[in-house]
PDB file of all heavy atoms in Angstrom:
ATOM      1  N   ILE A   1     -30.037-130.890  95.744  1.00  0.00           N
ATOM      2  CA  ILE A   1     -30.970-131.120  96.846  1.00  0.00           C
ATOM      3  C   ILE A   1     -30.737-130.021  97.875  1.00  0.00           C
ATOM      4  O   ILE A   1     -29.615-129.553  98.071  1.00  0.00           O
ATOM      5  CB  ILE A   1     -30.760-132.517  97.480  1.00  0.00           C
ATOM      6  CG1 ILE A   1     -31.819-132.795  98.544  1.00  0.00           C
ATOM      7  CG2 ILE A   1     -29.356-132.666  98.042  1.00  0.00           C
ATOM      8  CD1 ILE A   1     -31.781-134.222  99.088  1.00  0.00           C
ATOM      9  N   GLY A   2     -31.813-129.578  98.512  1.00  0.00           N
ATOM     10  CA  GLY A   2     -31.643-128.495  99.478  1.00  0.00           C
ATOM     11  C   GLY A   2     -32.862-128.313 100.360  1.00  0.00           C
ATOM     12  O   GLY A   2     -33.832-129.070 100.284  1.00  0.00           O
ATOM     13  N   ALA A   3     -32.791-127.290 101.187  1.00  0.00           N
ATOM     14  CA  ALA A   3     -33.891-127.004 102.109  1.00  0.00           C
ATOM     15  C   ALA A   3     -33.882-125.524 102.470  1.00  0.00           C
ATOM     16  O   ALA A   3     -32.831-124.880 102.525  1.00  0.00           O
ATOM     17  CB  ALA A   3     -33.768-127.853 103.375  1.00  0.00           C
ATOM     18  N   ARG A   4     -35.069-125.008 102.705  1.00  0.00           N
ATOM     19  CA  ARG A   4     -35.269-123.637 103.176  1.00  0.00           C
ATOM     20  C   ARG A   4     -36.507-123.653 104.057  1.00  0.00           C
ATOM     21  O   ARG A   4     -37.166-124.691 104.213  1.00  0.00           O
ATOM     22  CB  ARG A   4     -35.437-122.670 102.002  1.00  0.00           C
ATOM     23  CG  ARG A   4     -36.586-123.018 101.078  1.00  0.00           C
ATOM     24  CD  ARG A   4     -36.666-122.114  99.860  1.00  0.00           C
ATOM     25  NE  ARG A   4     -37.715-122.513  98.945  1.00  0.00           N
ATOM     26  CZ  ARG A   4     -38.998-122.189  99.080  1.00  0.00           C
ATOM     27  NH1 ARG A   4     -39.386-121.414 100.110  1.00  0.00           N
ATOM     28  NH2 ARG A   4     -39.890-122.589  98.213  1.00  0.00           N
ATOM     29  N   ALA A   5     -36.850-122.535 104.628  1.00  0.00           N
ATOM     30  CA  ALA A   5     -37.998-122.509 105.536  1.00  0.00           C
ATOM     31  C   ALA A   5     -38.585-121.113 105.627  1.00  0.00           C
ATOM     32  O   ALA A   5     -37.942-120.113 105.293  1.00  0.00           O
ATOM     33  CB  ALA A   5     -37.584-122.996 106.920  1.00  0.00           C
ATOM     34  N   ASP A   6     -39.842-121.063 106.065  1.00  0.00           N
ATOM     35  CA  ASP A   6     -40.448-119.816 106.494  1.00  0.00           C
ATOM     36  C   ASP A   6     -41.014-120.054 107.890  1.00  0.00           C
ATOM     37  O   ASP A   6     -40.629-121.013 108.563  1.00  0.00           O
ATOM     38  CB  ASP A   6     -41.499-119.309 105.498  1.00  0.00           C
ATOM     39  CG  ASP A   6     -42.620-120.322 105.234  1.00  0.00           C
ATOM     40  OD1 ASP A   6     -42.881-121.174 106.115  1.00  0.00           O
ATOM     41  OD2 ASP A   6     -43.247-120.245 104.166  1.00  0.00           O
ATOM     42  N   GLU A   7     -41.933-119.211 108.326  1.00  0.00           N
ATOM     43  CA  GLU A   7     -42.417-119.332 109.699  1.00  0.00           C
ATOM     44  C   GLU A   7     -43.317-120.542 109.925  1.00  0.00           C
ATOM     45  O   GLU A   7     -43.534-120.956 111.075  1.00  0.00           O
ATOM     46  CB  GLU A   7     -43.165-118.056 110.114  1.00  0.00           C
ATOM     47  CG  GLU A   7     -44.466-117.779 109.370  1.00  0.00           C
ATOM     48  CD  GLU A   7     -44.258-117.095 108.021  1.00  0.00           C
ATOM     49  OE1 GLU A   7     -43.077-116.909 107.620  1.00  0.00           O
ATOM     50  OE2 GLU A   7     -45.272-116.735 107.394  1.00  0.00           O
ATOM     51  N   LYS A   8     -43.817-121.150 108.872  1.00  0.00           N
ATOM     52  CA  LYS A   8     -44.735-122.270 109.035  1.00  0.00           C
ATOM     53  C   LYS A   8     -44.235-123.594 108.480  1.00  0.00           C
ATOM     54  O   LYS A   8     -44.579-124.651 108.993  1.00  0.00           O
ATOM     55  CB  LYS A   8     -46.085-121.937 108.378  1.00  0.00           C
ATOM     56  CG  LYS A   8     -46.870-120.843 109.084  1.00  0.00           C
ATOM     57  CD  LYS A   8     -48.229-120.657 108.434  1.00  0.00           C
ATOM     58  CE  LYS A   8     -49.049-119.593 109.170  1.00  0.00           C
ATOM     59  NZ  LYS A   8     -50.387-119.415 108.550  1.00  0.00           N
ATOM     60  N   PHE A   9     -43.456-123.539 107.405  1.00  0.00           N
ATOM     61  CA  PHE A   9     -43.064-124.770 106.733  1.00  0.00           C
ATOM     62  C   PHE A   9     -41.557-124.848 106.519  1.00  0.00           C
ATOM     63  O   PHE A   9     -40.869-123.826 106.386  1.00  0.00           O
ATOM     64  CB  PHE A   9     -43.745-124.880 105.365  1.00  0.00           C
ATOM     65  CG  PHE A   9     -45.222-125.152 105.436  1.00  0.00           C
ATOM     66  CD1 PHE A   9     -46.127-124.103 105.406  1.00  0.00           C
ATOM     67  CD2 PHE A   9     -45.703-126.449 105.536  1.00  0.00           C
ATOM     68  CE1 PHE A   9     -47.492-124.337 105.472  1.00  0.00           C
ATOM     69  CE2 PHE A   9     -47.063-126.697 105.593  1.00  0.00           C
ATOM     70  CZ  PHE A   9     -47.958-125.641 105.574  1.00  0.00           C
ATOM     71  N   VAL A  10     -41.075-126.078 106.455  1.00  0.00           N
ATOM     72  CA  VAL A  10     -39.736-126.367 105.960  1.00  0.00           C
ATOM     73  C   VAL A  10     -39.907-126.997 104.582  1.00  0.00           C
ATOM     74  O   VAL A  10     -40.738-127.896 104.397  1.00  0.00           O
ATOM     75  CB  VAL A  10     -38.982-127.332 106.894  1.00  0.00           C
ATOM     76  CG1 VAL A  10     -37.635-127.704 106.295  1.00  0.00           C
ATOM     77  CG2 VAL A  10     -38.789-126.690 108.267  1.00  0.00           C
ATOM     78  N   TYR A  11     -39.129-126.523 103.618  1.00  0.00           N
ATOM     79  CA  TYR A  11     -39.260-126.982 102.235  1.00  0.00           C
ATOM     80  C   TYR A  11     -38.007-127.768 101.855  1.00  0.00           C
ATOM     81  O   TYR A  11     -36.912-127.209 101.794  1.00  0.00           O
ATOM     82  CB  TYR A  11     -39.434-125.791 101.295  1.00  0.00           C
ATOM     83  CG  TYR A  11     -40.562-124.871 101.684  1.00  0.00           C
ATOM     84  CD1 TYR A  11     -40.324-123.725 102.446  1.00  0.00           C
ATOM     85  CD2 TYR A  11     -41.872-125.151 101.294  1.00  0.00           C
ATOM     86  CE1 TYR A  11     -41.370-122.885 102.818  1.00  0.00           C
ATOM     87  CE2 TYR A  11     -42.909-124.310 101.657  1.00  0.00           C
ATOM     88  CZ  TYR A  11     -42.652-123.178 102.421  1.00  0.00           C
ATOM     89  OH  TYR A  11     -43.683-122.339 102.790  1.00  0.00           O
ATOM     90  N   LEU A  12     -38.174-129.052 101.621  1.00  0.00           N
ATOM     91  CA  LEU A  12     -37.082-129.899 101.158  1.00  0.00           C
ATOM     92  C   LEU A  12     -37.276-130.115  99.671  1.00  0.00           C
ATOM     93  O   LEU A  12     -38.359-130.547  99.241  1.00  0.00           O
ATOM     94  CB  LEU A  12     -37.087-131.250 101.888  1.00  0.00           C
ATOM     95  CG  LEU A  12     -36.561-131.302 103.330  1.00  0.00           C
ATOM     96  CD1 LEU A  12     -37.434-130.479 104.258  1.00  0.00           C
ATOM     97  CD2 LEU A  12     -36.495-132.736 103.828  1.00  0.00           C
ATOM     98  N   TRP A  13     -36.268-129.828  98.877  1.00  0.00           N
ATOM     99  CA  TRP A  13     -36.460-129.878  97.440  1.00  0.00           C
ATOM    100  C   TRP A  13     -35.353-130.649  96.716  1.00  0.00           C
ATOM    101  O   TRP A  13     -34.228-130.752  97.196  1.00  0.00           O
ATOM    102  CB  TRP A  13     -36.575-128.467  96.847  1.00  0.00           C
ATOM    103  CG  TRP A  13     -35.446-127.532  97.198  1.00  0.00           C
ATOM    104  CD1 TRP A  13     -35.421-126.623  98.220  1.00  0.00           C
ATOM    105  CD2 TRP A  13     -34.190-127.416  96.529  1.00  0.00           C
ATOM    106  NE1 TRP A  13     -34.213-125.951  98.233  1.00  0.00           N
ATOM    107  CE2 TRP A  13     -33.447-126.420  97.210  1.00  0.00           C
ATOM    108  CE3 TRP A  13     -33.615-128.053  95.443  1.00  0.00           C
ATOM    109  CZ2 TRP A  13     -32.160-126.046  96.818  1.00  0.00           C
ATOM    110  CZ3 TRP A  13     -32.318-127.691  95.046  1.00  0.00           C
ATOM    111  CH2 TRP A  13     -31.621-126.691  95.735  1.00  0.00           C
ATOM    112  N   VAL A  14     -35.727-131.189  95.558  1.00  0.00           N
ATOM    113  CA  VAL A  14     -34.792-131.853  94.654  1.00  0.00           C
ATOM    114  C   VAL A  14     -35.003-131.267  93.263  1.00  0.00           C
ATOM    115  O   VAL A  14     -36.139-131.199  92.784  1.00  0.00           O
ATOM    116  CB  VAL A  14     -35.008-133.381  94.630  1.00  0.00           C
ATOM    117  CG1 VAL A  14     -34.166-134.024  93.525  1.00  0.00           C
ATOM    118  CG2 VAL A  14     -34.663-134.000  95.982  1.00  0.00           C
ATOM    119  N   ARG A  15     -33.917-130.857  92.629  1.00  0.00           N
ATOM    120  CA  ARG A  15     -34.003-130.178  91.327  1.00  0.00           C
ATOM    121  C   ARG A  15     -33.090-130.874  90.322  1.00  0.00           C
ATOM    122  O   ARG A  15     -32.007-131.343  90.669  1.00  0.00           O
ATOM    123  CB  ARG A  15     -33.575-128.720  91.482  1.00  0.00           C
ATOM    124  CG  ARG A  15     -33.593-127.890  90.198  1.00  0.00           C
ATOM    125  CD  ARG A  15     -33.178-126.456  90.488  1.00  0.00           C
ATOM    126  NE  ARG A  15     -34.067-125.853  91.468  1.00  0.00           N
ATOM    127  CZ  ARG A  15     -33.658-125.049  92.472  1.00  0.00           C
ATOM    128  NH1 ARG A  15     -32.386-124.779  92.616  1.00  0.00           N
ATOM    129  NH2 ARG A  15     -34.541-124.541  93.301  1.00  0.00           N
ATOM    130  N   ASP A  16     -33.544-130.944  89.063  1.00  0.00           N
ATOM    131  CA  ASP A  16     -32.714-131.535  88.009  1.00  0.00           C
ATOM    132  C   ASP A  16     -32.847-130.740  86.722  1.00  0.00           C
ATOM    133  O   ASP A  16     -33.695-129.854  86.603  1.00  0.00           O
ATOM    134  CB  ASP A  16     -33.093-133.005  87.773  1.00  0.00           C
ATOM    135  CG  ASP A  16     -34.503-133.179  87.222  1.00  0.00           C
ATOM    136  OD1 ASP A  16     -34.811-132.608  86.156  1.00  0.00           O
ATOM    137  OD2 ASP A  16     -35.321-133.879  87.854  1.00  0.00           O
ATOM    138  N   ASN A  17     -31.988-131.050  85.766  1.00  0.00           N
ATOM    139  CA  ASN A  17     -32.031-130.417  84.446  1.00  0.00           C
ATOM    140  C   ASN A  17     -32.472-131.420  83.394  1.00  0.00           C
ATOM    141  O   ASN A  17     -31.987-131.430  82.265  1.00  0.00           O
ATOM    142  CB  ASN A  17     -30.657-129.833  84.089  1.00  0.00           C
ATOM    143  CG  ASN A  17     -29.596-130.918  83.907  1.00  0.00           C
ATOM    144  OD1 ASN A  17     -29.688-131.991  84.520  1.00  0.00           O
ATOM    145  ND2 ASN A  17     -28.584-130.660  83.091  1.00  0.00           N
ATOM    146  N   GLY A  18     -33.429-132.255  83.774  1.00  0.00           N
ATOM    147  CA  GLY A  18     -33.864-133.350  82.912  1.00  0.00           C
ATOM    148  C   GLY A  18     -34.881-132.966  81.855  1.00  0.00           C
ATOM    149  O   GLY A  18     -35.013-131.798  81.467  1.00  0.00           O
ATOM    150  N   ILE A  19     -35.648-133.970  81.437  1.00  0.00           N
ATOM    151  CA  ILE A  19     -36.556-133.802  80.300  1.00  0.00           C
ATOM    152  C   ILE A  19     -37.773-132.950  80.635  1.00  0.00           C
ATOM    153  O   ILE A  19     -38.437-132.428  79.749  1.00  0.00           O
ATOM    154  CB  ILE A  19     -37.025-135.167  79.773  1.00  0.00           C
ATOM    155  CG1 ILE A  19     -37.775-135.940  80.871  1.00  0.00           C
ATOM    156  CG2 ILE A  19     -35.843-135.973  79.258  1.00  0.00           C
ATOM    157  CD1 ILE A  19     -38.376-137.253  80.398  1.00  0.00           C
ATOM    158  N   GLY A  20     -38.092-132.808  81.924  1.00  0.00           N
ATOM    159  CA  GLY A  20     -39.238-132.002  82.324  1.00  0.00           C
ATOM    160  C   GLY A  20     -40.554-132.755  82.219  1.00  0.00           C
ATOM    161  O   GLY A  20     -40.640-133.842  81.624  1.00  0.00           O
ATOM    162  N   ILE A  21     -41.585-132.164  82.788  1.00  0.00           N
ATOM    163  CA  ILE A  21     -42.917-132.765  82.822  1.00  0.00           C
ATOM    164  C   ILE A  21     -43.921-131.755  82.261  1.00  0.00           C
ATOM    165  O   ILE A  21     -43.981-130.617  82.733  1.00  0.00           O
ATOM    166  CB  ILE A  21     -43.326-133.127  84.263  1.00  0.00           C
ATOM    167  CG1 ILE A  21     -42.297-134.070  84.893  1.00  0.00           C
ATOM    168  CG2 ILE A  21     -44.726-133.746  84.293  1.00  0.00           C
ATOM    169  CD1 ILE A  21     -42.486-134.254  86.388  1.00  0.00           C
ATOM    170  N   PRO A  22     -44.721-132.125  81.267  1.00  0.00           N
ATOM    171  CA  PRO A  22     -45.731-131.200  80.745  1.00  0.00           C
ATOM    172  C   PRO A  22     -46.658-130.727  81.855  1.00  0.00           C
ATOM    173  O   PRO A  22     -47.007-131.505  82.758  1.00  0.00           O
ATOM    174  CB  PRO A  22     -46.480-132.052  79.714  1.00  0.00           C
ATOM    175  CG  PRO A  22     -45.521-133.130  79.327  1.00  0.00           C
ATOM    176  CD  PRO A  22     -44.731-133.423  80.565  1.00  0.00           C
ATOM    177  N   ARG A  23     -47.078-129.478  81.787  1.00  0.00           N
ATOM    178  CA  ARG A  23     -47.896-128.897  82.852  1.00  0.00           C
ATOM    179  C   ARG A  23     -49.164-129.708  83.128  1.00  0.00           C
ATOM    180  O   ARG A  23     -49.567-129.895  84.272  1.00  0.00           O
ATOM    181  CB  ARG A  23     -48.267-127.453  82.497  1.00  0.00           C
ATOM    182  CG  ARG A  23     -49.005-126.733  83.619  1.00  0.00           C
ATOM    183  CD  ARG A  23     -49.200-125.259  83.308  1.00  0.00           C
ATOM    184  NE  ARG A  23     -49.858-124.589  84.410  1.00  0.00           N
ATOM    185  CZ  ARG A  23     -49.238-124.121  85.485  1.00  0.00           C
ATOM    186  NH1 ARG A  23     -47.925-124.273  85.606  1.00  0.00           N
ATOM    187  NH2 ARG A  23     -49.899-123.517  86.448  1.00  0.00           N
ATOM    188  N   GLY A  24     -49.777-130.226  82.102  1.00  0.00           N
ATOM    189  CA  GLY A  24     -51.006-130.986  82.272  1.00  0.00           C
ATOM    190  C   GLY A  24     -50.821-132.320  82.980  1.00  0.00           C
ATOM    191  O   GLY A  24     -51.801-132.955  83.381  1.00  0.00           O
ATOM    192  N   GLU A  25     -49.561-132.745  83.151  1.00  0.00           N
ATOM    193  CA  GLU A  25     -49.277-134.028  83.791  1.00  0.00           C
ATOM    194  C   GLU A  25     -48.848-133.871  85.258  1.00  0.00           C
ATOM    195  O   GLU A  25     -48.620-134.878  85.926  1.00  0.00           O
ATOM    196  CB  GLU A  25     -48.161-134.762  83.035  1.00  0.00           C
ATOM    197  CG  GLU A  25     -48.385-134.882  81.556  1.00  0.00           C
ATOM    198  CD  GLU A  25     -49.530-135.815  81.219  1.00  0.00           C
ATOM    199  OE1 GLU A  25     -49.752-136.767  81.977  1.00  0.00           O
ATOM    200  OE2 GLU A  25     -50.202-135.580  80.205  1.00  0.00           O
ATOM    201  N   HIS A  26     -48.728-132.643  85.753  1.00  0.00           N
ATOM    202  CA  HIS A  26     -48.167-132.423  87.091  1.00  0.00           C
ATOM    203  C   HIS A  26     -48.928-133.153  88.188  1.00  0.00           C
ATOM    204  O   HIS A  26     -48.333-133.683  89.127  1.00  0.00           O
ATOM    205  CB  HIS A  26     -48.101-130.922  87.403  1.00  0.00           C
ATOM    206  CG  HIS A  26     -47.027-130.213  86.644  1.00  0.00           C
ATOM    207  ND1 HIS A  26     -46.634-128.916  86.919  1.00  0.00           N
ATOM    208  CD2 HIS A  26     -46.242-130.628  85.615  1.00  0.00           C
ATOM    209  CE1 HIS A  26     -45.668-128.572  86.084  1.00  0.00           C
ATOM    210  NE2 HIS A  26     -45.425-129.580  85.288  1.00  0.00           N
ATOM    211  N   ARG A  27     -50.248-133.178  88.094  1.00  0.00           N
ATOM    212  CA  ARG A  27     -51.032-133.859  89.127  1.00  0.00           C
ATOM    213  C   ARG A  27     -50.965-135.381  88.981  1.00  0.00           C
ATOM    214  O   ARG A  27     -50.937-136.111  89.969  1.00  0.00           O
ATOM    215  CB  ARG A  27     -52.499-133.398  89.074  1.00  0.00           C
ATOM    216  CG  ARG A  27     -52.730-131.971  89.565  1.00  0.00           C
ATOM    217  CD  ARG A  27     -54.199-131.614  89.464  1.00  0.00           C
ATOM    218  NE  ARG A  27     -54.464-130.273  89.951  1.00  0.00           N
ATOM    219  CZ  ARG A  27     -54.751-129.969  91.197  1.00  0.00           C
ATOM    220  NH1 ARG A  27     -54.829-130.929  92.105  1.00  0.00           N
ATOM    221  NH2 ARG A  27     -54.976-128.725  91.569  1.00  0.00           N
ATOM    222  N   ARG A  28     -50.914-135.835  87.758  1.00  0.00           N
ATOM    223  CA  ARG A  28     -51.028-137.279  87.503  1.00  0.00           C
ATOM    224  C   ARG A  28     -49.757-138.053  87.836  1.00  0.00           C
ATOM    225  O   ARG A  28     -49.802-139.279  87.988  1.00  0.00           O
ATOM    226  CB  ARG A  28     -51.408-137.527  86.049  1.00  0.00           C
ATOM    227  CG  ARG A  28     -52.787-136.983  85.666  1.00  0.00           C
ATOM    228  CD  ARG A  28     -53.304-137.679  84.438  1.00  0.00           C
ATOM    229  NE  ARG A  28     -53.536-139.105  84.693  1.00  0.00           N
ATOM    230  CZ  ARG A  28     -53.762-139.985  83.716  1.00  0.00           C
ATOM    231  NH1 ARG A  28     -53.765-139.597  82.451  1.00  0.00           N
ATOM    232  NH2 ARG A  28     -53.962-141.260  84.010  1.00  0.00           N
ATOM    233  N   VAL A  29     -48.621-137.366  87.937  1.00  0.00           N
ATOM    234  CA  VAL A  29     -47.366-138.092  88.174  1.00  0.00           C
ATOM    235  C   VAL A  29     -47.357-138.824  89.512  1.00  0.00           C
ATOM    236  O   VAL A  29     -46.553-139.740  89.711  1.00  0.00           O
ATOM    237  CB  VAL A  29     -46.138-137.161  88.089  1.00  0.00           C
ATOM    238  CG1 VAL A  29     -45.960-136.636  86.680  1.00  0.00           C
ATOM    239  CG2 VAL A  29     -46.214-136.025  89.100  1.00  0.00           C
ATOM    240  N   PHE A  30     -48.263-138.442  90.438  1.00  0.00           N
ATOM    241  CA  PHE A  30     -48.302-139.095  91.741  1.00  0.00           C
ATOM    242  C   PHE A  30     -49.251-140.294  91.768  1.00  0.00           C
ATOM    243  O   PHE A  30     -49.381-140.952  92.795  1.00  0.00           O
ATOM    244  CB  PHE A  30     -48.706-138.090  92.820  1.00  0.00           C
ATOM    245  CG  PHE A  30     -47.718-136.968  92.970  1.00  0.00           C
ATOM    246  CD1 PHE A  30     -48.022-135.701  92.488  1.00  0.00           C
ATOM    247  CD2 PHE A  30     -46.489-137.174  93.570  1.00  0.00           C
ATOM    248  CE1 PHE A  30     -47.115-134.661  92.610  1.00  0.00           C
ATOM    249  CE2 PHE A  30     -45.578-136.143  93.698  1.00  0.00           C
ATOM    250  CZ  PHE A  30     -45.884-134.880  93.219  1.00  0.00           C
ATOM    251  N   GLU A  31     -49.898-140.577  90.649  1.00  0.00           N
ATOM    252  CA  GLU A  31     -50.773-141.740  90.582  1.00  0.00           C
ATOM    253  C   GLU A  31     -49.929-143.011  90.468  1.00  0.00           C
ATOM    254  O   GLU A  31     -48.875-143.022  89.818  1.00  0.00           O
ATOM    255  CB  GLU A  31     -51.704-141.640  89.374  1.00  0.00           C
ATOM    256  CG  GLU A  31     -52.658-140.469  89.425  1.00  0.00           C
ATOM    257  CD  GLU A  31     -53.491-140.346  88.162  1.00  0.00           C
ATOM    258  OE1 GLU A  31     -53.434-141.277  87.314  1.00  0.00           O
ATOM    259  OE2 GLU A  31     -54.188-139.333  88.011  1.00  0.00           O
ATOM    260  N   LYS A  32     -50.398-144.091  91.079  1.00  0.00           N
ATOM    261  CA  LYS A  32     -49.684-145.358  91.000  1.00  0.00           C
ATOM    262  C   LYS A  32     -49.558-145.808  89.552  1.00  0.00           C
ATOM    263  O   LYS A  32     -50.531-145.772  88.790  1.00  0.00           O
ATOM    264  CB  LYS A  32     -50.427-146.443  91.785  1.00  0.00           C
ATOM    265  CG  LYS A  32     -50.531-146.188  93.274  1.00  0.00           C
ATOM    266  CD  LYS A  32     -51.356-147.291  93.915  1.00  0.00           C
ATOM    267  CE  LYS A  32     -51.677-146.950  95.348  1.00  0.00           C
ATOM    268  NZ  LYS A  32     -52.544-147.991  95.972  1.00  0.00           N
ATOM    269  N   PHE A  33     -48.360-146.210  89.197  1.00  0.00           N
ATOM    270  CA  PHE A  33     -48.029-146.794  87.897  1.00  0.00           C
ATOM    271  C   PHE A  33     -48.123-145.806  86.739  1.00  0.00           C
ATOM    272  O   PHE A  33     -47.892-146.184  85.590  1.00  0.00           O
ATOM    273  CB  PHE A  33     -48.910-148.027  87.588  1.00  0.00           C
ATOM    274  CG  PHE A  33     -48.889-149.065  88.675  1.00  0.00           C
ATOM    275  CD1 PHE A  33     -50.026-149.306  89.432  1.00  0.00           C
ATOM    276  CD2 PHE A  33     -47.738-149.776  88.954  1.00  0.00           C
ATOM    277  CE1 PHE A  33     -50.016-150.252  90.436  1.00  0.00           C
ATOM    278  CE2 PHE A  33     -47.721-150.720  89.957  1.00  0.00           C
ATOM    279  CZ  PHE A  33     -48.852-150.961  90.696  1.00  0.00           C
ATOM    280  N   TYR A  34     -48.456-144.535  87.016  1.00  0.00           N
ATOM    281  CA  TYR A  34     -48.555-143.574  85.917  1.00  0.00           C
ATOM    282  C   TYR A  34     -47.164-143.108  85.512  1.00  0.00           C
ATOM    283  O   TYR A  34     -46.323-142.780  86.357  1.00  0.00           O
ATOM    284  CB  TYR A  34     -49.383-142.354  86.327  1.00  0.00           C
ATOM    285  CG  TYR A  34     -49.554-141.376  85.192  1.00  0.00           C
ATOM    286  CD1 TYR A  34     -50.452-141.632  84.167  1.00  0.00           C
ATOM    287  CD2 TYR A  34     -48.788-140.207  85.130  1.00  0.00           C
ATOM    288  CE1 TYR A  34     -50.595-140.757  83.108  1.00  0.00           C
ATOM    289  CE2 TYR A  34     -48.930-139.328  84.081  1.00  0.00           C
ATOM    290  CZ  TYR A  34     -49.829-139.606  83.071  1.00  0.00           C
ATOM    291  OH  TYR A  34     -49.963-138.736  82.022  1.00  0.00           O
ATOM    292  N   ARG A  35     -46.919-143.063  84.210  1.00  0.00           N
ATOM    293  CA  ARG A  35     -45.647-142.584  83.686  1.00  0.00           C
ATOM    294  C   ARG A  35     -45.945-141.593  82.573  1.00  0.00           C
ATOM    295  O   ARG A  35     -46.803-141.830  81.725  1.00  0.00           O
ATOM    296  CB  ARG A  35     -44.786-143.749  83.204  1.00  0.00           C
ATOM    297  CG  ARG A  35     -44.645-144.831  84.277  1.00  0.00           C
ATOM    298  CD  ARG A  35     -43.699-145.925  83.883  1.00  0.00           C
ATOM    299  NE  ARG A  35     -42.318-145.529  84.106  1.00  0.00           N
ATOM    300  CZ  ARG A  35     -41.280-146.343  83.911  1.00  0.00           C
ATOM    301  NH1 ARG A  35     -41.484-147.562  83.474  1.00  0.00           N
ATOM    302  NH2 ARG A  35     -40.053-145.933  84.146  1.00  0.00           N
ATOM    303  N   VAL A  36     -45.219-140.481  82.557  1.00  0.00           N
ATOM    304  CA  VAL A  36     -45.557-139.361  81.680  1.00  0.00           C
ATOM    305  C   VAL A  36     -45.496-139.747  80.213  1.00  0.00           C
ATOM    306  O   VAL A  36     -46.427-139.509  79.456  1.00  0.00           O
ATOM    307  CB  VAL A  36     -44.620-138.165  81.959  1.00  0.00           C
ATOM    308  CG1 VAL A  36     -44.855-137.059  80.930  1.00  0.00           C
ATOM    309  CG2 VAL A  36     -44.858-137.635  83.362  1.00  0.00           C
ATOM    310  N   ASP A  37     -44.388-140.348  79.786  1.00  0.00           N
ATOM    311  CA  ASP A  37     -44.205-140.697  78.374  1.00  0.00           C
ATOM    312  C   ASP A  37     -43.920-142.188  78.299  1.00  0.00           C
ATOM    313  O   ASP A  37     -42.825-142.641  78.609  1.00  0.00           O
ATOM    314  CB  ASP A  37     -43.030-139.908  77.781  1.00  0.00           C
ATOM    315  CG  ASP A  37     -42.905-140.101  76.276  1.00  0.00           C
ATOM    316  OD1 ASP A  37     -43.274-141.178  75.782  1.00  0.00           O
ATOM    317  OD2 ASP A  37     -42.426-139.166  75.600  1.00  0.00           O
ATOM    318  N   GLU A  38     -44.916-142.975  77.889  1.00  0.00           N
ATOM    319  CA  GLU A  38     -44.753-144.422  77.877  1.00  0.00           C
ATOM    320  C   GLU A  38     -43.635-144.868  76.926  1.00  0.00           C
ATOM    321  O   GLU A  38     -42.940-145.844  77.183  1.00  0.00           O
ATOM    322  CB  GLU A  38     -46.071-145.097  77.480  1.00  0.00           C
ATOM    323  CG  GLU A  38     -47.126-145.065  78.570  1.00  0.00           C
ATOM    324  CD  GLU A  38     -46.677-145.827  79.820  1.00  0.00           C
ATOM    325  OE1 GLU A  38     -45.877-146.779  79.701  1.00  0.00           O
ATOM    326  OE2 GLU A  38     -47.131-145.467  80.913  1.00  0.00           O
ATOM    327  N   ARG A  39     -43.446-144.156  75.823  1.00  0.00           N
ATOM    328  CA  ARG A  39     -42.376-144.535  74.895  1.00  0.00           C
ATOM    329  C   ARG A  39     -41.021-144.384  75.555  1.00  0.00           C
ATOM    330  O   ARG A  39     -40.151-145.245  75.446  1.00  0.00           O
ATOM    331  CB  ARG A  39     -42.443-143.671  73.634  1.00  0.00           C
ATOM    332  CG  ARG A  39     -43.674-143.921  72.778  1.00  0.00           C
ATOM    333  CD  ARG A  39     -43.813-142.854  71.733  1.00  0.00           C
ATOM    334  NE  ARG A  39     -43.954-141.530  72.349  1.00  0.00           N
ATOM    335  CZ  ARG A  39     -43.982-140.388  71.666  1.00  0.00           C
ATOM    336  NH1 ARG A  39     -43.853-140.404  70.349  1.00  0.00           N
ATOM    337  NH2 ARG A  39     -44.136-139.237  72.291  1.00  0.00           N
ATOM    338  N   LEU A  40     -40.832-143.253  76.271  1.00  0.00           N
ATOM    339  CA  LEU A  40     -39.575-143.036  76.980  1.00  0.00           C
ATOM    340  C   LEU A  40     -39.465-143.970  78.165  1.00  0.00           C
ATOM    341  O   LEU A  40     -38.410-144.538  78.448  1.00  0.00           O
ATOM    342  CB  LEU A  40     -39.484-141.582  77.458  1.00  0.00           C
ATOM    343  CG  LEU A  40     -38.256-141.219  78.307  1.00  0.00           C
ATOM    344  CD1 LEU A  40     -36.979-141.400  77.487  1.00  0.00           C
ATOM    345  CD2 LEU A  40     -38.368-139.800  78.825  1.00  0.00           C
ATOM    346  N   SER A  41     -40.571-144.181  78.880  1.00  0.00           N
ATOM    347  CA  SER A  41     -40.553-144.995  80.084  1.00  0.00           C
ATOM    348  C   SER A  41     -40.157-146.431  79.804  1.00  0.00           C
ATOM    349  O   SER A  41     -39.556-147.094  80.642  1.00  0.00           O
ATOM    350  CB  SER A  41     -41.941-144.962  80.756  1.00  0.00           C
ATOM    351  OG  SER A  41     -42.257-143.664  81.198  1.00  0.00           O
ATOM    352  N   ARG A  42     -40.495-146.941  78.618  1.00  0.00           N
ATOM    353  CA  ARG A  42     -40.130-148.318  78.291  1.00  0.00           C
ATOM    354  C   ARG A  42     -38.622-148.478  78.223  1.00  0.00           C
ATOM    355  O   ARG A  42     -38.091-149.568  78.418  1.00  0.00           O
ATOM    356  CB  ARG A  42     -40.780-148.734  76.977  1.00  0.00           C
ATOM    357  CG  ARG A  42     -42.247-149.104  77.119  1.00  0.00           C
ATOM    358  CD  ARG A  42     -42.748-149.812  75.878  1.00  0.00           C
ATOM    359  NE  ARG A  42     -42.844-148.894  74.747  1.00  0.00           N
ATOM    360  CZ  ARG A  42     -43.951-148.214  74.443  1.00  0.00           C
ATOM    361  NH1 ARG A  42     -45.037-148.339  75.179  1.00  0.00           N
ATOM    362  NH2 ARG A  42     -43.975-147.408  73.388  1.00  0.00           N
ATOM    363  N   ALA A  43     -37.916-147.371  77.957  1.00  0.00           N
ATOM    364  CA  ALA A  43     -36.455-147.424  77.867  1.00  0.00           C
ATOM    365  C   ALA A  43     -35.782-147.136  79.203  1.00  0.00           C
ATOM    366  O   ALA A  43     -34.572-147.254  79.326  1.00  0.00           O
ATOM    367  CB  ALA A  43     -35.967-146.415  76.822  1.00  0.00           C
ATOM    368  N   ILE A  44     -36.564-146.748  80.212  1.00  0.00           N
ATOM    369  CA  ILE A  44     -36.026-146.401  81.529  1.00  0.00           C
ATOM    370  C   ILE A  44     -36.641-147.320  82.562  1.00  0.00           C
ATOM    371  O   ILE A  44     -37.859-147.362  82.717  1.00  0.00           O
ATOM    372  CB  ILE A  44     -36.320-144.924  81.874  1.00  0.00           C
ATOM    373  CG1 ILE A  44     -35.678-144.002  80.841  1.00  0.00           C
ATOM    374  CG2 ILE A  44     -35.818-144.590  83.270  1.00  0.00           C
ATOM    375  CD1 ILE A  44     -36.000-142.542  81.039  1.00  0.00           C
TER     376      ILE A  44
END
């Protein structure tokens, strides 16, 4: 976890080395109840 900034924004970030998210799913992950991989999600 960390933070950096420029003249307009402060950027707070969280990074992991996990399973990753397919590019086509990047927008949808913020939808309510949406989970990228339902097979994996049932185990988590």
